[in-house]
């Protein structure tokens, strides 16, 4: 009886960890906050939310899953031994699919970046799954590259917003003709 309670307690703990991490990483189906926050927050705050906090969460998540819940990982190849890998793979697939398909319908720059972040969360979750076999190195390389690109994208948005409107994708049309020198120099100053 005590063993059954311990197993159910482990399952409940794992589900709570996956839900909490899903919100932190903006992975589907826990992504609903991301487009509104990315759209409403100032560019530096949105960049921090989109990069540093997400990357710190993934680092903790890899350590927690593979060190803490490693024995209950299960396998994707056998249905008889399901574990957390199967659940993470499903969340990853849904995040990739939903993030990319929803991004196609966006005309707002920040909402587009938010749905891109949801898709990237799915890709990063694939790295979490692979970290058990290949180690966390490739995941951290992808995460660092993603973080730098996200900060750069929000940096461009911040510079363009200082000199005009940058809400819709159409606001970026012809930007190189309207502000050729100013935008290039200010964007380069960020890096």
C-alpha atoms as a PDB file:
ATOM      1  CA  UNK A   1       0.000   0.000   0.000  1.00  0.00           C
ATOM      2  CA  UNK A   2       2.794   2.415   0.889  1.00  0.00           C
ATOM      3  CA  UNK A   3       4.530   1.671  -2.400  1.00  0.00           C
ATOM      4  CA  UNK A   4       1.377   2.523  -4.389  1.00  0.00           C
ATOM      5  CA  UNK A   5       1.027   5.830  -2.550  1.00  0.00           C
ATOM      6  CA  UNK A   6       4.671   6.632  -3.280  1.00  0.00           C
ATOM      7  CA  UNK A   7       4.181   5.894  -6.984  1.00  0.00           C
ATOM      8  CA  UNK A   8       1.037   8.043  -7.178  1.00  0.00           C
ATOM      9  CA  UNK A   9       2.846  10.800  -5.293  1.00  0.00           C
ATOM     10  CA  UNK A  10       5.678  10.642  -7.825  1.00  0.00           C
ATOM     11  CA  UNK A  11       3.201  10.849 -10.715  1.00  0.00           C
ATOM     12  CA  UNK A  12       1.433  13.848  -9.148  1.00  0.00           C
ATOM     13  CA  UNK A  13       4.786  15.557  -8.538  1.00  0.00           C
ATOM     14  CA  UNK A  14       5.889  14.920 -12.095  1.00  0.00           C
ATOM     15  CA  UNK A  15       2.631  16.272 -13.525  1.00  0.00           C
ATOM     16  CA  UNK A  16       2.918  19.418 -11.393  1.00  0.00           C
ATOM     17  CA  UNK A  17       6.526  19.923 -12.508  1.00  0.00           C
ATOM     18  CA  UNK A  18       5.572  19.490 -16.181  1.00  0.00           C
ATOM     19  CA  UNK A  19       2.672  21.942 -15.871  1.00  0.00           C
ATOM     20  CA  UNK A  20       4.816  24.530 -14.050  1.00  0.00           C
ATOM     21  CA  UNK A  21       7.584  24.179 -16.578  1.00  0.00           C
ATOM     22  CA  UNK A  22       5.093  24.365 -19.443  1.00  0.00           C
ATOM     23  CA  UNK A  23       3.965  27.770 -18.184  1.00  0.00           C
ATOM     24  CA  UNK A  24       7.556  28.926 -17.662  1.00  0.00           C
ATOM     25  CA  UNK A  25       8.665  27.865 -21.134  1.00  0.00           C
ATOM     26  CA  UNK A  26       5.439  28.937 -22.893  1.00  0.00           C
ATOM     27  CA  UNK A  27       5.008  25.427 -24.258  1.00  0.00           C
ATOM     28  CA  UNK A  28       1.597  24.421 -25.581  1.00  0.00           C
ATOM     29  CA  UNK A  29      -1.000  24.005 -24.075  1.00  0.00           C
ATOM     30  CA  UNK A  30       0.325  26.327 -21.357  1.00  0.00           C
ATOM     31  CA  UNK A  31       1.277  29.109 -23.776  1.00  0.00           C
ATOM     32  CA  UNK A  32      -1.796  31.335 -23.661  1.00  0.00           C
ATOM     33  CA  UNK A  33      -0.109  34.122 -21.690  1.00  0.00           C
ATOM     34  CA  UNK A  34       2.863  34.593 -24.037  1.00  0.00           C
ATOM     35  CA  UNK A  35       1.366  36.562 -26.973  1.00  0.00           C
ATOM     36  CA  UNK A  36      -0.363  39.071 -24.685  1.00  0.00           C
ATOM     37  CA  UNK A  37       2.701  39.583 -22.489  1.00  0.00           C
ATOM     38  CA  UNK A  38       5.084  39.928 -25.440  1.00  0.00           C
ATOM     39  CA  UNK A  39       2.738  42.456 -27.022  1.00  0.00           C
ATOM     40  CA  UNK A  40       2.113  44.529 -23.901  1.00  0.00           C
ATOM     41  CA  UNK A  41       5.513  44.549 -22.198  1.00  0.00           C
ATOM     42  CA  UNK A  42       8.264  47.041 -22.994  1.00  0.00           C
ATOM     43  CA  UNK A  43      10.832  45.590 -25.391  1.00  0.00           C
ATOM     44  CA  UNK A  44      13.608  45.083 -22.784  1.00  0.00           C
ATOM     45  CA  UNK A  45      11.207  43.293 -20.434  1.00  0.00           C
ATOM     46  CA  UNK A  46       9.847  41.130 -23.213  1.00  0.00           C
ATOM     47  CA  UNK A  47      13.410  40.255 -24.245  1.00  0.00           C
ATOM     48  CA  UNK A  48      14.228  39.198 -20.685  1.00  0.00           C
ATOM     49  CA  UNK A  49      11.072  37.088 -20.425  1.00  0.00           C
ATOM     50  CA  UNK A  50      11.670  35.534 -23.834  1.00  0.00           C
ATOM     51  CA  UNK A  51      15.324  34.697 -23.344  1.00  0.00           C
ATOM     52  CA  UNK A  52      16.956  34.660 -19.923  1.00  0.00           C
ATOM     53  CA  UNK A  53      14.113  33.358 -17.804  1.00  0.00           C
ATOM     54  CA  UNK A  54      13.189  30.710 -20.383  1.00  0.00           C
ATOM     55  CA  UNK A  55      16.779  29.521 -20.703  1.00  0.00           C
ATOM     56  CA  UNK A  56      17.230  29.354 -16.946  1.00  0.00           C
ATOM     57  CA  UNK A  57      14.034  27.328 -16.746  1.00  0.00           C
ATOM     58  CA  UNK A  58      15.257  24.863 -19.379  1.00  0.00           C
ATOM     59  CA  UNK A  59      18.554  24.434 -17.557  1.00  0.00           C
ATOM     60  CA  UNK A  60      16.755  23.616 -14.327  1.00  0.00           C
ATOM     61  CA  UNK A  61      14.269  21.395 -16.135  1.00  0.00           C
ATOM     62  CA  UNK A  62      16.976  19.234 -17.737  1.00  0.00           C
ATOM     63  CA  UNK A  63      18.697  18.777 -14.415  1.00  0.00           C
ATOM     64  CA  UNK A  64      15.464  17.980 -12.632  1.00  0.00           C
ATOM     65  CA  UNK A  65      14.147  15.498 -15.196  1.00  0.00           C
ATOM     66  CA  UNK A  66      17.330  13.583 -15.899  1.00  0.00           C
ATOM     67  CA  UNK A  67      18.778  13.631 -12.396  1.00  0.00           C
ATOM     68  CA  UNK A  68      15.600  13.591 -10.316  1.00  0.00           C
ATOM     69  CA  UNK A  69      13.191  11.650 -12.520  1.00  0.00           C
ATOM     70  CA  UNK A  70      15.675   9.787 -14.731  1.00  0.00           C
ATOM     71  CA  UNK A  71      14.614   6.288 -13.641  1.00  0.00           C
ATOM     72  CA  UNK A  72      10.999   7.051 -14.612  1.00  0.00           C
ATOM     73  CA  UNK A  73      11.913   8.413 -18.056  1.00  0.00           C
ATOM     74  CA  UNK A  74      10.389   5.554 -19.988  1.00  0.00           C
ATOM     75  CA  UNK A  75      10.929   5.171 -23.696  1.00  0.00           C
ATOM     76  CA  UNK A  76       9.407   6.468 -26.900  1.00  0.00           C
ATOM     77  CA  UNK A  77       9.879   3.120 -28.639  1.00  0.00           C
ATOM     78  CA  UNK A  78       7.855   0.986 -26.232  1.00  0.00           C
ATOM     79  CA  UNK A  79       4.247   1.640 -25.395  1.00  0.00           C
ATOM     80  CA  UNK A  80       4.383  -0.788 -22.482  1.00  0.00           C
ATOM     81  CA  UNK A  81       6.855   1.391 -20.557  1.00  0.00           C
ATOM     82  CA  UNK A  82       5.535   4.955 -20.780  1.00  0.00           C
ATOM     83  CA  UNK A  83       7.262   7.645 -18.801  1.00  0.00           C
ATOM     84  CA  UNK A  84       7.790  11.361 -18.805  1.00  0.00           C
ATOM     85  CA  UNK A  85       9.617  11.231 -22.150  1.00  0.00           C
ATOM     86  CA  UNK A  86       6.345  10.385 -23.895  1.00  0.00           C
ATOM     87  CA  UNK A  87       4.551  13.315 -22.259  1.00  0.00           C
ATOM     88  CA  UNK A  88       7.387  15.740 -23.062  1.00  0.00           C
ATOM     89  CA  UNK A  89       7.435  14.489 -26.677  1.00  0.00           C
ATOM     90  CA  UNK A  90       3.701  15.139 -27.034  1.00  0.00           C
ATOM     91  CA  UNK A  91       4.047  18.637 -25.527  1.00  0.00           C
ATOM     92  CA  UNK A  92       6.969  19.272 -27.872  1.00  0.00           C
ATOM     93  CA  UNK A  93       5.045  18.185 -30.969  1.00  0.00           C
ATOM     94  CA  UNK A  94       2.006  20.271 -30.025  1.00  0.00           C
ATOM     95  CA  UNK A  95       4.193  23.304 -29.309  1.00  0.00           C
ATOM     96  CA  UNK A  96       6.021  23.015 -32.615  1.00  0.00           C
ATOM     97  CA  UNK A  97       2.832  22.576 -34.587  1.00  0.00           C
ATOM     98  CA  UNK A  98       0.755  25.221 -32.822  1.00  0.00           C
ATOM     99  CA  UNK A  99       3.557  27.790 -32.613  1.00  0.00           C
ATOM    100  CA  UNK A 100       4.421  27.606 -36.300  1.00  0.00           C
ATOM    101  CA  UNK A 101       0.853  27.447 -37.590  1.00  0.00           C
ATOM    102  CA  UNK A 102      -0.373  30.285 -35.362  1.00  0.00           C
ATOM    103  CA  UNK A 103       2.624  32.427 -36.369  1.00  0.00           C
ATOM    104  CA  UNK A 104       1.495  32.271 -39.988  1.00  0.00           C
ATOM    105  CA  UNK A 105      -1.676  34.198 -39.141  1.00  0.00           C
ATOM    106  CA  UNK A 106       0.029  36.998 -37.190  1.00  0.00           C
ATOM    107  CA  UNK A 107       0.416  40.550 -38.416  1.00  0.00           C
ATOM    108  CA  UNK A 108       1.684  41.970 -35.106  1.00  0.00           C
ATOM    109  CA  UNK A 109       5.480  41.768 -34.766  1.00  0.00           C
ATOM    110  CA  UNK A 110       5.509  40.948 -31.055  1.00  0.00           C
ATOM    111  CA  UNK A 111       2.770  38.326 -31.297  1.00  0.00           C
ATOM    112  CA  UNK A 112       4.717  36.755 -34.153  1.00  0.00           C
ATOM    113  CA  UNK A 113       7.766  36.557 -31.888  1.00  0.00           C
ATOM    114  CA  UNK A 114       5.617  35.055 -29.133  1.00  0.00           C
ATOM    115  CA  UNK A 115       4.356  32.265 -31.365  1.00  0.00           C
ATOM    116  CA  UNK A 116       7.902  31.755 -32.576  1.00  0.00           C
ATOM    117  CA  UNK A 117       8.932  31.359 -28.936  1.00  0.00           C
ATOM    118  CA  UNK A 118       6.233  28.717 -28.477  1.00  0.00           C
ATOM    119  CA  UNK A 119       7.624  26.799 -31.451  1.00  0.00           C
ATOM    120  CA  UNK A 120      11.159  27.171 -30.097  1.00  0.00           C
ATOM    121  CA  UNK A 121       9.961  25.805 -26.757  1.00  0.00           C
ATOM    122  CA  UNK A 122       8.915  22.678 -28.637  1.00  0.00           C
ATOM    123  CA  UNK A 123      12.335  22.419 -30.270  1.00  0.00           C
ATOM    124  CA  UNK A 124      14.041  22.922 -26.914  1.00  0.00           C
ATOM    125  CA  UNK A 125      11.868  20.175 -25.432  1.00  0.00           C
ATOM    126  CA  UNK A 126      13.214  17.823 -28.091  1.00  0.00           C
ATOM    127  CA  UNK A 127      16.661  18.738 -26.780  1.00  0.00           C
ATOM    128  CA  UNK A 128      15.513  17.899 -23.257  1.00  0.00           C
ATOM    129  CA  UNK A 129      14.524  14.438 -24.461  1.00  0.00           C
ATOM    130  CA  UNK A 130      17.821  13.958 -26.295  1.00  0.00           C
ATOM    131  CA  UNK A 131      19.873  15.189 -23.322  1.00  0.00           C
ATOM    132  CA  UNK A 132      19.585  11.763 -21.715  1.00  0.00           C
ATOM    133  CA  UNK A 133      21.531  10.172 -24.548  1.00  0.00           C
ATOM    134  CA  UNK A 134      23.793  12.938 -25.878  1.00  0.00           C
ATOM    135  CA  UNK A 135      24.132  15.101 -22.783  1.00  0.00           C
ATOM    136  CA  UNK A 136      22.909  18.656 -22.367  1.00  0.00           C
ATOM    137  CA  UNK A 137      25.604  20.278 -24.561  1.00  0.00           C
ATOM    138  CA  UNK A 138      23.613  20.491 -27.834  1.00  0.00           C
ATOM    139  CA  UNK A 139      20.540  21.721 -25.964  1.00  0.00           C
ATOM    140  CA  UNK A 140      22.508  24.479 -24.267  1.00  0.00           C
ATOM    141  CA  UNK A 141      24.131  25.490 -27.561  1.00  0.00           C
ATOM    142  CA  UNK A 142      20.713  25.809 -29.220  1.00  0.00           C
ATOM    143  CA  UNK A 143      19.325  27.605 -26.164  1.00  0.00           C
ATOM    144  CA  UNK A 144      22.195  30.115 -26.121  1.00  0.00           C
ATOM    145  CA  UNK A 145      21.790  30.797 -29.837  1.00  0.00           C
ATOM    146  CA  UNK A 146      18.040  31.192 -29.412  1.00  0.00           C
ATOM    147  CA  UNK A 147      18.528  33.554 -26.468  1.00  0.00           C
ATOM    148  CA  UNK A 148      20.925  35.802 -28.370  1.00  0.00           C
ATOM    149  CA  UNK A 149      18.676  35.899 -31.442  1.00  0.00           C
ATOM    150  CA  UNK A 150      15.655  36.768 -29.297  1.00  0.00           C
ATOM    151  CA  UNK A 151      17.464  39.579 -27.513  1.00  0.00           C
ATOM    152  CA  UNK A 152      18.597  40.843 -30.916  1.00  0.00           C
ATOM    153  CA  UNK A 153      15.065  40.749 -32.312  1.00  0.00           C
ATOM    154  CA  UNK A 154      13.659  42.691 -29.366  1.00  0.00           C
ATOM    155  CA  UNK A 155      16.621  45.082 -29.591  1.00  0.00           C
ATOM    156  CA  UNK A 156      15.683  45.865 -33.176  1.00  0.00           C
ATOM    157  CA  UNK A 157      12.069  46.384 -32.106  1.00  0.00           C
ATOM    158  CA  UNK A 158      13.188  48.764 -29.336  1.00  0.00           C
ATOM    159  CA  UNK A 159      15.298  50.838 -31.732  1.00  0.00           C
ATOM    160  CA  UNK A 160      12.593  51.033 -34.367  1.00  0.00           C
ATOM    161  CA  UNK A 161       9.939  51.936 -31.761  1.00  0.00           C
ATOM    162  CA  UNK A 162      12.015  54.966 -30.693  1.00  0.00           C
ATOM    163  CA  UNK A 163      11.757  56.374 -34.209  1.00  0.00           C
ATOM    164  CA  UNK A 164       8.230  55.430 -35.104  1.00  0.00           C
ATOM    165  CA  UNK A 165       5.597  52.777 -35.087  1.00  0.00           C
ATOM    166  CA  UNK A 166       6.632  49.108 -34.869  1.00  0.00           C
ATOM    167  CA  UNK A 167       3.509  47.148 -34.065  1.00  0.00           C
ATOM    168  CA  UNK A 168       2.503  45.568 -37.354  1.00  0.00           C
ATOM    169  CA  UNK A 169       4.668  43.792 -39.890  1.00  0.00           C
ATOM    170  CA  UNK A 170       3.599  46.428 -42.400  1.00  0.00           C
ATOM    171  CA  UNK A 171       5.311  49.059 -40.204  1.00  0.00           C
ATOM    172  CA  UNK A 172       8.629  47.436 -41.074  1.00  0.00           C
ATOM    173  CA  UNK A 173       8.033  47.615 -44.819  1.00  0.00           C
ATOM    174  CA  UNK A 174      10.426  50.085 -46.408  1.00  0.00           C
ATOM    175  CA  UNK A 175      12.280  50.718 -43.158  1.00  0.00           C
ATOM    176  CA  UNK A 176      15.611  50.667 -44.963  1.00  0.00           C
ATOM    177  CA  UNK A 177      14.406  53.544 -47.160  1.00  0.00           C
ATOM    178  CA  UNK A 178      12.776  55.612 -44.392  1.00  0.00           C
ATOM    179  CA  UNK A 179      15.668  55.432 -41.908  1.00  0.00           C
ATOM    180  CA  UNK A 180      18.697  53.891 -43.614  1.00  0.00           C
ATOM    181  CA  UNK A 181      21.495  55.383 -41.542  1.00  0.00           C
ATOM    182  CA  UNK A 182      19.771  55.850 -38.228  1.00  0.00           C
ATOM    183  CA  UNK A 183      18.431  52.322 -37.940  1.00  0.00           C
ATOM    184  CA  UNK A 184      21.609  50.625 -39.080  1.00  0.00           C
ATOM    185  CA  UNK A 185      23.864  52.551 -36.697  1.00  0.00           C
ATOM    186  CA  UNK A 186      21.577  52.180 -33.697  1.00  0.00           C
ATOM    187  CA  UNK A 187      21.011  48.481 -34.292  1.00  0.00           C
ATOM    188  CA  UNK A 188      24.748  47.933 -34.645  1.00  0.00           C
ATOM    189  CA  UNK A 189      25.304  49.836 -31.379  1.00  0.00           C
ATOM    190  CA  UNK A 190      23.279  47.212 -29.541  1.00  0.00           C
ATOM    191  CA  UNK A 191      25.774  44.538 -30.472  1.00  0.00           C
END
